[in-house]
Amino acid sequence: MKTTTRREDFLQASLQLIHEKGFKATTMRAIAERMDFDVSNSYNYITSKQDILELFLFRISQEFHHAMDNILASSYAADEKLKQVISAHVQVSAQKPYEVALMVNEWRNLKEPKYSEYVELRSQYERKMSKLLRAGIKEKVFKQVDIKVATAVILSSIRWLYDAFAKSKNTMNPVELERQIVALIFGGVMR
């Protein structure tokens, strides 16, 4: 049985509330009320609402980058690598739907310099996806497509996955969803 610390409970309650209300509408007072303690106690766990946003955004971004880097470094062919990237997105979205929701919906609320740092991480991830698609075209497993368009379409297709898990309370089967997403994407890029 997994035990959590009070700080982890606080962070998860914050994340849930931000998902429900949105970042701007969520206050430290509302988070404290959700945890059933005085607002001043909130600052024992975090210094500001912005810190919560930064913590979750950079942590989940690094998780996606780590998965992508491992996949790109593997000896698999490009089509298998793309399947693995899709699988990683499904799995992370199934396990951490609220973190992924924050990444998709709330990143624009970051303040400088973290905003620019995060935008660069997003750009790096897109470049990695483009590199994978270029490799697949070179290997002749993917159609000759506009890389920029294909990258945007694929990433847009898998970004929303968190919503399926956040709303279904984990009743959706990630394996079945992954199979469907792979079939749809591969219908567009495979030769």
N, C-alpha and C. Protein backbone atom coordinates (compact mmCIF):
# COMPACT_ATOMS: atom_id res chain seq x y z
N MET A 1 0.84 -1.18 0.00
CA MET A 1 0.00 0.00 0.00
C MET A 1 0.89 1.24 0.00
N LYS A 2 0.60 2.16 -0.89
CA LYS A 2 1.40 3.37 -1.01
C LYS A 2 0.95 4.40 0.03
N THR A 3 1.93 4.93 0.74
CA THR A 3 1.61 5.99 1.69
C THR A 3 2.06 7.31 1.09
N THR A 4 1.33 8.37 1.41
CA THR A 4 1.68 9.68 0.90
C THR A 4 1.99 10.61 2.05
N THR A 5 2.79 11.60 1.77
CA THR A 5 3.08 12.61 2.78
C THR A 5 1.99 13.67 2.73
N ARG A 6 1.95 14.47 3.75
CA ARG A 6 0.97 15.56 3.79
C ARG A 6 1.23 16.54 2.65
N ARG A 7 2.49 16.77 2.30
CA ARG A 7 2.82 17.67 1.19
C ARG A 7 2.29 17.10 -0.13
N GLU A 8 2.47 15.79 -0.35
CA GLU A 8 1.95 15.16 -1.56
C GLU A 8 0.44 15.27 -1.62
N ASP A 9 -0.22 15.07 -0.48
CA ASP A 9 -1.68 15.23 -0.42
C ASP A 9 -2.07 16.66 -0.78
N PHE A 10 -1.33 17.62 -0.24
CA PHE A 10 -1.59 19.03 -0.54
C PHE A 10 -1.42 19.31 -2.03
N LEU A 11 -0.35 18.81 -2.61
CA LEU A 11 -0.08 19.04 -4.04
C LEU A 11 -1.16 18.39 -4.90
N GLN A 12 -1.56 17.18 -4.56
CA GLN A 12 -2.60 16.50 -5.34
C GLN A 12 -3.95 17.22 -5.21
N ALA A 13 -4.26 17.69 -4.02
CA ALA A 13 -5.51 18.46 -3.85
C ALA A 13 -5.45 19.74 -4.67
N SER A 14 -4.30 20.38 -4.69
CA SER A 14 -4.10 21.60 -5.48
C SER A 14 -4.31 21.30 -6.96
N LEU A 15 -3.71 20.24 -7.41
CA LEU A 15 -3.80 19.84 -8.81
C LEU A 15 -5.25 19.56 -9.20
N GLN A 16 -5.95 18.83 -8.37
CA GLN A 16 -7.37 18.51 -8.63
C GLN A 16 -8.21 19.79 -8.70
N LEU A 17 -7.98 20.69 -7.79
CA LEU A 17 -8.74 21.94 -7.75
C LEU A 17 -8.43 22.80 -8.98
N ILE A 18 -7.17 22.87 -9.35
CA ILE A 18 -6.79 23.63 -10.56
C ILE A 18 -7.46 23.01 -11.78
N HIS A 19 -7.54 21.69 -11.82
CA HIS A 19 -8.21 21.02 -12.95
C HIS A 19 -9.70 21.39 -12.97
N GLU A 20 -10.32 21.44 -11.82
CA GLU A 20 -11.75 21.73 -11.74
C GLU A 20 -12.06 23.19 -12.06
N LYS A 21 -11.28 24.11 -11.49
CA LYS A 21 -11.60 25.54 -11.58
C LYS A 21 -10.76 26.32 -12.58
N GLY A 22 -9.61 25.78 -12.95
CA GLY A 22 -8.64 26.52 -13.75
C GLY A 22 -7.64 27.19 -12.83
N PHE A 23 -6.46 27.44 -13.36
CA PHE A 23 -5.38 27.99 -12.54
C PHE A 23 -5.74 29.37 -11.97
N LYS A 24 -6.22 30.26 -12.83
CA LYS A 24 -6.49 31.62 -12.38
C LYS A 24 -7.59 31.68 -11.32
N ALA A 25 -8.58 30.81 -11.41
CA ALA A 25 -9.70 30.84 -10.47
C ALA A 25 -9.39 30.11 -9.17
N THR A 26 -8.31 29.36 -9.14
CA THR A 26 -7.95 28.63 -7.93
C THR A 26 -7.13 29.53 -7.01
N THR A 27 -7.53 29.61 -5.78
CA THR A 27 -6.81 30.43 -4.80
C THR A 27 -6.15 29.54 -3.76
N MET A 28 -5.17 30.10 -3.10
CA MET A 28 -4.53 29.35 -2.00
C MET A 28 -5.56 29.08 -0.90
N ARG A 29 -6.48 29.99 -0.71
CA ARG A 29 -7.55 29.81 0.29
C ARG A 29 -8.41 28.59 -0.08
N ALA A 30 -8.76 28.48 -1.35
CA ALA A 30 -9.58 27.34 -1.79
C ALA A 30 -8.84 26.02 -1.61
N ILE A 31 -7.55 26.04 -1.88
CA ILE A 31 -6.74 24.83 -1.68
C ILE A 31 -6.72 24.47 -0.20
N ALA A 32 -6.50 25.46 0.64
CA ALA A 32 -6.48 25.22 2.09
C ALA A 32 -7.83 24.67 2.57
N GLU A 33 -8.91 25.23 2.06
CA GLU A 33 -10.24 24.73 2.43
C GLU A 33 -10.41 23.28 2.00
N ARG A 34 -9.94 22.95 0.82
CA ARG A 34 -10.03 21.57 0.32
C ARG A 34 -9.27 20.63 1.26
N MET A 35 -8.16 21.13 1.82
CA MET A 35 -7.34 20.32 2.73
C MET A 35 -7.82 20.41 4.17
N ASP A 36 -8.80 21.26 4.39
CA ASP A 36 -9.40 21.46 5.72
C ASP A 36 -8.38 22.00 6.73
N PHE A 37 -7.65 23.04 6.28
CA PHE A 37 -6.80 23.74 7.22
C PHE A 37 -6.72 25.21 6.86
N ASP A 38 -6.11 25.99 7.75
CA ASP A 38 -6.00 27.43 7.55
C ASP A 38 -5.07 27.75 6.39
N VAL A 39 -5.36 28.83 5.67
CA VAL A 39 -4.57 29.19 4.49
C VAL A 39 -3.09 29.38 4.83
N SER A 40 -2.79 29.86 6.02
CA SER A 40 -1.39 30.06 6.39
C SER A 40 -0.62 28.73 6.41
N ASN A 41 -1.30 27.63 6.66
CA ASN A 41 -0.65 26.31 6.64
C ASN A 41 -0.22 25.90 5.24
N SER A 42 -0.86 26.46 4.23
CA SER A 42 -0.51 26.14 2.84
C SER A 42 0.95 26.46 2.56
N TYR A 43 1.42 27.51 3.17
CA TYR A 43 2.78 27.96 2.90
C TYR A 43 3.84 27.08 3.57
N ASN A 44 3.40 26.10 4.34
CA ASN A 44 4.33 25.09 4.85
C ASN A 44 4.70 24.10 3.74
N TYR A 45 3.89 24.04 2.70
CA TYR A 45 4.07 23.07 1.63
C TYR A 45 4.59 23.69 0.33
N ILE A 46 4.27 24.95 0.11
CA ILE A 46 4.64 25.61 -1.14
C ILE A 46 4.62 27.11 -0.90
N THR A 47 5.44 27.85 -1.62
CA THR A 47 5.50 29.29 -1.36
C THR A 47 4.46 30.09 -2.12
N SER A 48 3.96 29.53 -3.25
CA SER A 48 2.95 30.26 -4.02
C SER A 48 2.23 29.31 -4.96
N LYS A 49 1.13 29.78 -5.47
CA LYS A 49 0.39 29.01 -6.47
C LYS A 49 1.25 28.81 -7.72
N GLN A 50 2.04 29.80 -8.06
CA GLN A 50 2.94 29.72 -9.22
C GLN A 50 3.93 28.56 -9.05
N ASP A 51 4.39 28.34 -7.83
CA ASP A 51 5.31 27.22 -7.57
C ASP A 51 4.65 25.87 -7.86
N ILE A 52 3.36 25.77 -7.56
CA ILE A 52 2.62 24.53 -7.85
C ILE A 52 2.63 24.29 -9.36
N LEU A 53 2.30 25.34 -10.10
CA LEU A 53 2.27 25.24 -11.55
C LEU A 53 3.63 24.83 -12.10
N GLU A 54 4.67 25.50 -11.66
CA GLU A 54 6.02 25.18 -12.13
C GLU A 54 6.41 23.75 -11.79
N LEU A 55 6.16 23.35 -10.57
CA LEU A 55 6.53 22.01 -10.13
C LEU A 55 5.92 20.95 -11.04
N PHE A 56 4.61 21.02 -11.22
CA PHE A 56 3.94 19.99 -12.02
C PHE A 56 4.30 20.08 -13.50
N LEU A 57 4.35 21.27 -14.05
CA LEU A 57 4.64 21.41 -15.48
C LEU A 57 6.02 20.90 -15.84
N PHE A 58 7.01 21.27 -15.07
CA PHE A 58 8.37 20.85 -15.41
C PHE A 58 8.58 19.36 -15.11
N ARG A 59 7.93 18.86 -14.10
CA ARG A 59 8.06 17.44 -13.78
C ARG A 59 7.43 16.56 -14.87
N ILE A 60 6.23 16.91 -15.31
CA ILE A 60 5.58 16.09 -16.33
C ILE A 60 6.26 16.27 -17.68
N SER A 61 6.75 17.45 -17.97
CA SER A 61 7.48 17.68 -19.21
C SER A 61 8.73 16.82 -19.25
N GLN A 62 9.45 16.77 -18.15
CA GLN A 62 10.66 15.95 -18.09
C GLN A 62 10.33 14.46 -18.26
N GLU A 63 9.19 14.04 -17.76
CA GLU A 63 8.79 12.65 -17.91
C GLU A 63 8.58 12.32 -19.40
N PHE A 64 7.91 13.22 -20.12
CA PHE A 64 7.71 13.00 -21.55
C PHE A 64 9.04 13.06 -22.31
N HIS A 65 9.89 14.00 -21.97
CA HIS A 65 11.20 14.10 -22.63
C HIS A 65 12.04 12.84 -22.38
N HIS A 66 12.02 12.37 -21.16
CA HIS A 66 12.79 11.17 -20.81
C HIS A 66 12.32 9.98 -21.65
N ALA A 67 11.01 9.80 -21.75
CA ALA A 67 10.47 8.70 -22.55
C ALA A 67 10.87 8.86 -24.02
N MET A 68 10.70 10.07 -24.55
CA MET A 68 11.04 10.32 -25.96
C MET A 68 12.53 10.06 -26.21
N ASP A 69 13.39 10.55 -25.33
CA ASP A 69 14.83 10.35 -25.50
C ASP A 69 15.20 8.87 -25.51
N ASN A 70 14.61 8.11 -24.61
CA ASN A 70 14.88 6.67 -24.57
C ASN A 70 14.40 5.98 -25.84
N ILE A 71 13.25 6.38 -26.32
CA ILE A 71 12.70 5.80 -27.55
C ILE A 71 13.58 6.15 -28.73
N LEU A 72 13.96 7.41 -28.87
CA LEU A 72 14.80 7.83 -29.99
C LEU A 72 16.16 7.14 -29.97
N ALA A 73 16.68 6.87 -28.78
CA ALA A 73 17.99 6.23 -28.66
C ALA A 73 17.95 4.72 -28.89
N SER A 74 16.74 4.17 -28.98
CA SER A 74 16.62 2.72 -29.17
C SER A 74 16.99 2.34 -30.61
N SER A 75 17.15 1.05 -30.82
CA SER A 75 17.52 0.55 -32.15
C SER A 75 16.30 0.19 -33.00
N TYR A 76 15.11 0.48 -32.52
CA TYR A 76 13.89 0.17 -33.26
C TYR A 76 13.79 1.01 -34.53
N ALA A 77 13.02 0.51 -35.48
CA ALA A 77 12.71 1.26 -36.69
C ALA A 77 11.79 2.42 -36.32
N ALA A 78 11.70 3.40 -37.19
CA ALA A 78 10.93 4.62 -36.91
C ALA A 78 9.46 4.33 -36.63
N ASP A 79 8.87 3.38 -37.34
CA ASP A 79 7.45 3.10 -37.09
C ASP A 79 7.24 2.54 -35.69
N GLU A 80 8.14 1.68 -35.24
CA GLU A 80 8.03 1.14 -33.88
C GLU A 80 8.27 2.24 -32.85
N LYS A 81 9.21 3.13 -33.14
CA LYS A 81 9.47 4.25 -32.23
C LYS A 81 8.23 5.12 -32.10
N LEU A 82 7.55 5.38 -33.20
CA LEU A 82 6.34 6.20 -33.14
C LEU A 82 5.26 5.50 -32.30
N LYS A 83 5.13 4.20 -32.46
CA LYS A 83 4.19 3.44 -31.63
C LYS A 83 4.55 3.58 -30.15
N GLN A 84 5.84 3.53 -29.85
CA GLN A 84 6.29 3.65 -28.46
C GLN A 84 6.01 5.05 -27.90
N VAL A 85 6.18 6.08 -28.73
CA VAL A 85 5.88 7.45 -28.29
C VAL A 85 4.39 7.57 -27.97
N ILE A 86 3.56 7.03 -28.85
CA ILE A 86 2.11 7.06 -28.61
C ILE A 86 1.79 6.30 -27.33
N SER A 87 2.40 5.15 -27.16
CA SER A 87 2.19 4.35 -25.96
C SER A 87 2.58 5.12 -24.70
N ALA A 88 3.71 5.81 -24.76
CA ALA A 88 4.15 6.60 -23.60
C ALA A 88 3.13 7.69 -23.28
N HIS A 89 2.60 8.35 -24.30
CA HIS A 89 1.59 9.38 -24.06
C HIS A 89 0.33 8.80 -23.43
N VAL A 90 -0.10 7.65 -23.92
CA VAL A 90 -1.30 7.02 -23.36
C VAL A 90 -1.05 6.63 -21.91
N GLN A 91 0.09 6.01 -21.64
CA GLN A 91 0.38 5.54 -20.29
C GLN A 91 0.49 6.70 -19.29
N VAL A 92 1.22 7.74 -19.66
CA VAL A 92 1.37 8.88 -18.76
C VAL A 92 0.02 9.56 -18.56
N SER A 93 -0.74 9.70 -19.63
CA SER A 93 -2.06 10.33 -19.52
C SER A 93 -3.01 9.52 -18.65
N ALA A 94 -2.90 8.20 -18.72
CA ALA A 94 -3.74 7.33 -17.89
C ALA A 94 -3.35 7.42 -16.42
N GLN A 95 -2.05 7.51 -16.16
CA GLN A 95 -1.56 7.53 -14.78
C GLN A 95 -1.62 8.91 -14.14
N LYS A 96 -1.47 9.96 -14.95
CA LYS A 96 -1.38 11.32 -14.42
C LYS A 96 -2.21 12.30 -15.25
N PRO A 97 -3.52 12.04 -15.34
CA PRO A 97 -4.33 12.89 -16.23
C PRO A 97 -4.36 14.36 -15.82
N TYR A 98 -4.33 14.65 -14.53
CA TYR A 98 -4.40 16.05 -14.10
C TYR A 98 -3.11 16.81 -14.37
N GLU A 99 -1.99 16.11 -14.27
CA GLU A 99 -0.71 16.73 -14.60
C GLU A 99 -0.64 17.05 -16.10
N VAL A 100 -1.10 16.10 -16.91
CA VAL A 100 -1.10 16.31 -18.36
C VAL A 100 -2.08 17.42 -18.71
N ALA A 101 -3.23 17.46 -18.04
CA ALA A 101 -4.20 18.54 -18.28
C ALA A 101 -3.57 19.89 -17.98
N LEU A 102 -2.82 19.97 -16.92
CA LEU A 102 -2.13 21.21 -16.57
C LEU A 102 -1.15 21.59 -17.68
N MET A 103 -0.45 20.60 -18.20
CA MET A 103 0.52 20.83 -19.26
C MET A 103 -0.16 21.35 -20.53
N VAL A 104 -1.32 20.84 -20.83
CA VAL A 104 -2.03 21.23 -22.04
C VAL A 104 -2.73 22.57 -21.87
N ASN A 105 -3.35 22.79 -20.72
CA ASN A 105 -4.25 23.93 -20.55
C ASN A 105 -3.71 25.13 -19.78
N GLU A 106 -2.73 24.93 -18.95
CA GLU A 106 -2.37 26.00 -18.01
C GLU A 106 -0.96 26.56 -18.16
N TRP A 107 -0.16 26.02 -19.06
CA TRP A 107 1.24 26.45 -19.16
C TRP A 107 1.38 27.94 -19.46
N ARG A 108 0.39 28.52 -20.11
CA ARG A 108 0.47 29.96 -20.45
C ARG A 108 0.42 30.85 -19.21
N ASN A 109 0.09 30.28 -18.07
CA ASN A 109 0.04 31.03 -16.82
C ASN A 109 1.39 31.12 -16.11
N LEU A 110 2.40 30.47 -16.67
CA LEU A 110 3.74 30.60 -16.09
C LEU A 110 4.23 32.03 -16.21
N LYS A 111 5.03 32.44 -15.26
CA LYS A 111 5.65 33.77 -15.31
C LYS A 111 7.11 33.61 -15.75
N GLU A 112 7.62 34.68 -16.34
CA GLU A 112 9.02 34.68 -16.76
C GLU A 112 9.93 34.56 -15.54
N PRO A 113 11.05 33.89 -15.65
CA PRO A 113 11.65 33.30 -16.84
C PRO A 113 11.16 31.87 -17.12
N LYS A 114 10.34 31.33 -16.22
CA LYS A 114 9.86 29.94 -16.38
C LYS A 114 9.01 29.77 -17.63
N TYR A 115 8.28 30.80 -18.01
CA TYR A 115 7.46 30.72 -19.23
C TYR A 115 8.34 30.42 -20.44
N SER A 116 9.38 31.21 -20.64
CA SER A 116 10.27 31.01 -21.79
C SER A 116 10.98 29.66 -21.71
N GLU A 117 11.35 29.27 -20.53
CA GLU A 117 12.02 27.97 -20.34
C GLU A 117 11.08 26.83 -20.75
N TYR A 118 9.83 26.95 -20.36
CA TYR A 118 8.85 25.91 -20.69
C TYR A 118 8.55 25.89 -22.19
N VAL A 119 8.41 27.07 -22.79
CA VAL A 119 8.17 27.14 -24.24
C VAL A 119 9.31 26.45 -24.99
N GLU A 120 10.52 26.64 -24.53
CA GLU A 120 11.67 25.97 -25.17
C GLU A 120 11.57 24.45 -25.01
N LEU A 121 11.13 23.96 -23.86
CA LEU A 121 10.96 22.52 -23.68
C LEU A 121 9.91 21.97 -24.65
N ARG A 122 8.84 22.71 -24.84
CA ARG A 122 7.80 22.29 -25.80
C ARG A 122 8.39 22.24 -27.21
N SER A 123 9.15 23.25 -27.56
CA SER A 123 9.77 23.29 -28.90
C SER A 123 10.75 22.14 -29.09
N GLN A 124 11.52 21.84 -28.06
CA GLN A 124 12.46 20.72 -28.14
C GLN A 124 11.71 19.41 -28.38
N TYR A 125 10.59 19.24 -27.71
CA TYR A 125 9.82 18.01 -27.87
C TYR A 125 9.28 17.90 -29.29
N GLU A 126 8.79 19.01 -29.81
CA GLU A 126 8.30 19.02 -31.19
C GLU A 126 9.42 18.69 -32.18
N ARG A 127 10.61 19.21 -31.91
CA ARG A 127 11.75 18.91 -32.79
C ARG A 127 12.11 17.41 -32.74
N LYS A 128 11.98 16.82 -31.57
CA LYS A 128 12.25 15.39 -31.45
C LYS A 128 11.24 14.58 -32.25
N MET A 129 9.97 15.00 -32.20
CA MET A 129 8.95 14.30 -32.98
C MET A 129 9.24 14.47 -34.48
N SER A 130 9.61 15.67 -34.87
CA SER A 130 9.95 15.92 -36.29
C SER A 130 11.12 15.05 -36.73
N LYS A 131 12.12 14.91 -35.87
CA LYS A 131 13.28 14.07 -36.17
C LYS A 131 12.85 12.62 -36.39
N LEU A 132 11.94 12.15 -35.56
CA LEU A 132 11.43 10.79 -35.69
C LEU A 132 10.70 10.61 -37.02
N LEU A 133 9.89 11.59 -37.39
CA LEU A 133 9.16 11.50 -38.66
C LEU A 133 10.11 11.54 -39.86
N ARG A 134 11.12 12.40 -39.79
CA ARG A 134 12.10 12.46 -40.87
C ARG A 134 12.82 11.12 -41.03
N ALA A 135 13.15 10.49 -39.90
CA ALA A 135 13.81 9.18 -39.95
C ALA A 135 12.90 8.15 -40.61
N GLY A 136 11.62 8.19 -40.29
CA GLY A 136 10.67 7.25 -40.90
C GLY A 136 10.51 7.45 -42.39
N ILE A 137 10.57 8.69 -42.83
CA ILE A 137 10.50 8.98 -44.26
C ILE A 137 11.77 8.47 -44.94
N LYS A 138 12.91 8.71 -44.31
CA LYS A 138 14.18 8.25 -44.86
C LYS A 138 14.23 6.72 -44.92
N GLU A 139 13.66 6.06 -43.90
CA GLU A 139 13.61 4.60 -43.88
C GLU A 139 12.54 4.05 -44.84
N LYS A 140 11.75 4.95 -45.39
CA LYS A 140 10.67 4.60 -46.32
C LYS A 140 9.56 3.80 -45.65
N VAL A 141 9.36 4.01 -44.35
CA VAL A 141 8.21 3.40 -43.67
C VAL A 141 7.07 4.41 -43.53
N PHE A 142 7.39 5.70 -43.62
CA PHE A 142 6.36 6.74 -43.59
C PHE A 142 6.26 7.38 -44.96
N LYS A 143 5.07 7.86 -45.26
CA LYS A 143 4.85 8.60 -46.50
C LYS A 143 5.67 9.88 -46.49
N GLN A 144 5.89 10.41 -47.68
CA GLN A 144 6.52 11.73 -47.80
C GLN A 144 5.44 12.74 -47.39
N VAL A 145 5.61 13.35 -46.22
CA VAL A 145 4.63 14.31 -45.70
C VAL A 145 5.34 15.59 -45.30
N ASP A 146 4.57 16.64 -45.14
CA ASP A 146 5.11 17.87 -44.59
C ASP A 146 5.38 17.62 -43.11
N ILE A 147 6.63 17.67 -42.72
CA ILE A 147 7.04 17.32 -41.35
C ILE A 147 6.35 18.21 -40.31
N LYS A 148 6.31 19.50 -40.58
CA LYS A 148 5.71 20.44 -39.62
C LYS A 148 4.23 20.12 -39.40
N VAL A 149 3.52 19.88 -40.49
CA VAL A 149 2.09 19.56 -40.39
C VAL A 149 1.90 18.21 -39.68
N ALA A 150 2.67 17.20 -40.09
CA ALA A 150 2.53 15.87 -39.48
C ALA A 150 2.84 15.91 -37.99
N THR A 151 3.87 16.65 -37.61
CA THR A 151 4.21 16.78 -36.19
C THR A 151 3.06 17.41 -35.42
N ALA A 152 2.52 18.49 -35.95
CA ALA A 152 1.41 19.18 -35.28
C ALA A 152 0.18 18.28 -35.17
N VAL A 153 -0.13 17.55 -36.23
CA VAL A 153 -1.30 16.68 -36.22
C VAL A 153 -1.13 15.54 -35.21
N ILE A 154 0.03 14.92 -35.21
CA ILE A 154 0.25 13.80 -34.28
C ILE A 154 0.21 14.29 -32.84
N LEU A 155 0.94 15.36 -32.54
CA LEU A 155 0.95 15.84 -31.16
C LEU A 155 -0.43 16.32 -30.73
N SER A 156 -1.16 16.96 -31.62
CA SER A 156 -2.53 17.38 -31.29
C SER A 156 -3.42 16.17 -31.03
N SER A 157 -3.18 15.10 -31.76
CA SER A 157 -3.99 13.89 -31.60
C SER A 157 -3.77 13.20 -30.26
N ILE A 158 -2.58 13.35 -29.69
CA ILE A 158 -2.31 12.64 -28.43
C ILE A 158 -2.32 13.56 -27.21
N ARG A 159 -2.35 14.86 -27.42
CA ARG A 159 -2.39 15.77 -26.27
C ARG A 159 -3.69 15.68 -25.47
N TRP A 160 -4.79 15.44 -26.13
CA TRP A 160 -6.09 15.44 -25.48
C TRP A 160 -6.35 14.20 -24.63
N LEU A 161 -5.51 13.18 -24.72
CA LEU A 161 -5.77 11.89 -24.08
C LEU A 161 -6.05 11.99 -22.58
N TYR A 162 -5.43 12.96 -21.91
CA TYR A 162 -5.66 13.12 -20.47
C TYR A 162 -7.14 13.21 -20.16
N ASP A 163 -7.88 13.88 -21.05
CA ASP A 163 -9.30 14.14 -20.80
C ASP A 163 -10.09 12.84 -20.70
N ALA A 164 -9.74 11.86 -21.50
CA ALA A 164 -10.43 10.58 -21.45
C ALA A 164 -10.27 9.92 -20.09
N PHE A 165 -9.11 10.10 -19.47
CA PHE A 165 -8.86 9.46 -18.18
C PHE A 165 -9.33 10.31 -17.01
N ALA A 166 -9.25 11.61 -17.14
CA ALA A 166 -9.70 12.49 -16.06
C ALA A 166 -11.21 12.37 -15.88
N LYS A 167 -11.93 12.25 -16.98
CA LYS A 167 -13.39 12.18 -16.91
C LYS A 167 -13.91 10.79 -16.61
N SER A 168 -13.19 9.76 -17.03
CA SER A 168 -13.71 8.40 -16.88
C SER A 168 -13.34 7.77 -15.54
N LYS A 169 -12.56 8.50 -14.74
CA LYS A 169 -12.10 7.97 -13.45
C LYS A 169 -11.43 6.61 -13.62
N ASN A 170 -10.56 6.55 -14.65
CA ASN A 170 -9.74 5.37 -14.94
C ASN A 170 -10.54 4.13 -15.35
N THR A 171 -11.75 4.29 -15.88
CA THR A 171 -12.49 3.14 -16.38
C THR A 171 -12.17 2.86 -17.84
N MET A 172 -11.52 3.81 -18.51
CA MET A 172 -11.14 3.60 -19.90
C MET A 172 -9.91 2.69 -19.94
N ASN A 173 -9.89 1.77 -20.86
CA ASN A 173 -8.78 0.84 -20.99
C ASN A 173 -7.67 1.50 -21.81
N PRO A 174 -6.51 1.78 -21.18
CA PRO A 174 -5.43 2.45 -21.90
C PRO A 174 -4.89 1.64 -23.07
N VAL A 175 -4.91 0.32 -22.97
CA VAL A 175 -4.40 -0.52 -24.04
C VAL A 175 -5.29 -0.39 -25.27
N GLU A 176 -6.60 -0.40 -25.07
CA GLU A 176 -7.53 -0.26 -26.18
C GLU A 176 -7.44 1.13 -26.80
N LEU A 177 -7.33 2.15 -25.97
CA LEU A 177 -7.20 3.52 -26.49
C LEU A 177 -5.91 3.65 -27.30
N GLU A 178 -4.84 3.08 -26.80
CA GLU A 178 -3.56 3.12 -27.52
C GLU A 178 -3.69 2.47 -28.88
N ARG A 179 -4.34 1.32 -28.95
CA ARG A 179 -4.52 0.61 -30.22
C ARG A 179 -5.29 1.48 -31.22
N GLN A 180 -6.34 2.13 -30.74
CA GLN A 180 -7.14 2.98 -31.62
C GLN A 180 -6.35 4.20 -32.12
N ILE A 181 -5.60 4.83 -31.23
CA ILE A 181 -4.81 6.02 -31.61
C ILE A 181 -3.71 5.62 -32.60
N VAL A 182 -3.04 4.51 -32.34
CA VAL A 182 -1.99 4.04 -33.27
C VAL A 182 -2.60 3.79 -34.64
N ALA A 183 -3.74 3.13 -34.69
CA ALA A 183 -4.38 2.83 -35.98
C ALA A 183 -4.73 4.12 -36.73
N LEU A 184 -5.26 5.10 -36.03
CA LEU A 184 -5.64 6.35 -36.68
C LEU A 184 -4.42 7.12 -37.19
N ILE A 185 -3.40 7.24 -36.36
CA ILE A 185 -2.20 7.99 -36.77
C ILE A 185 -1.46 7.26 -37.88
N PHE A 186 -1.33 5.95 -37.73
CA PHE A 186 -0.59 5.21 -38.74
C PHE A 186 -1.33 5.15 -40.07
N GLY A 187 -2.64 5.31 -40.04
CA GLY A 187 -3.40 5.40 -41.28
C GLY A 187 -3.00 6.62 -42.08
N GLY A 188 -2.49 7.64 -41.40
CA GLY A 188 -2.08 8.87 -42.08
C GLY A 188 -0.63 8.92 -42.49
N VAL A 189 0.25 8.20 -41.79
CA VAL A 189 1.68 8.34 -42.09
C VAL A 189 2.34 7.12 -42.75
N MET A 190 1.72 5.97 -42.61
CA MET A 190 2.37 4.77 -43.15
C MET A 190 2.26 4.71 -44.67
N ARG A 191 3.26 4.14 -45.27
CA ARG A 191 3.28 3.92 -46.73
C ARG A 191 2.30 2.86 -47.10
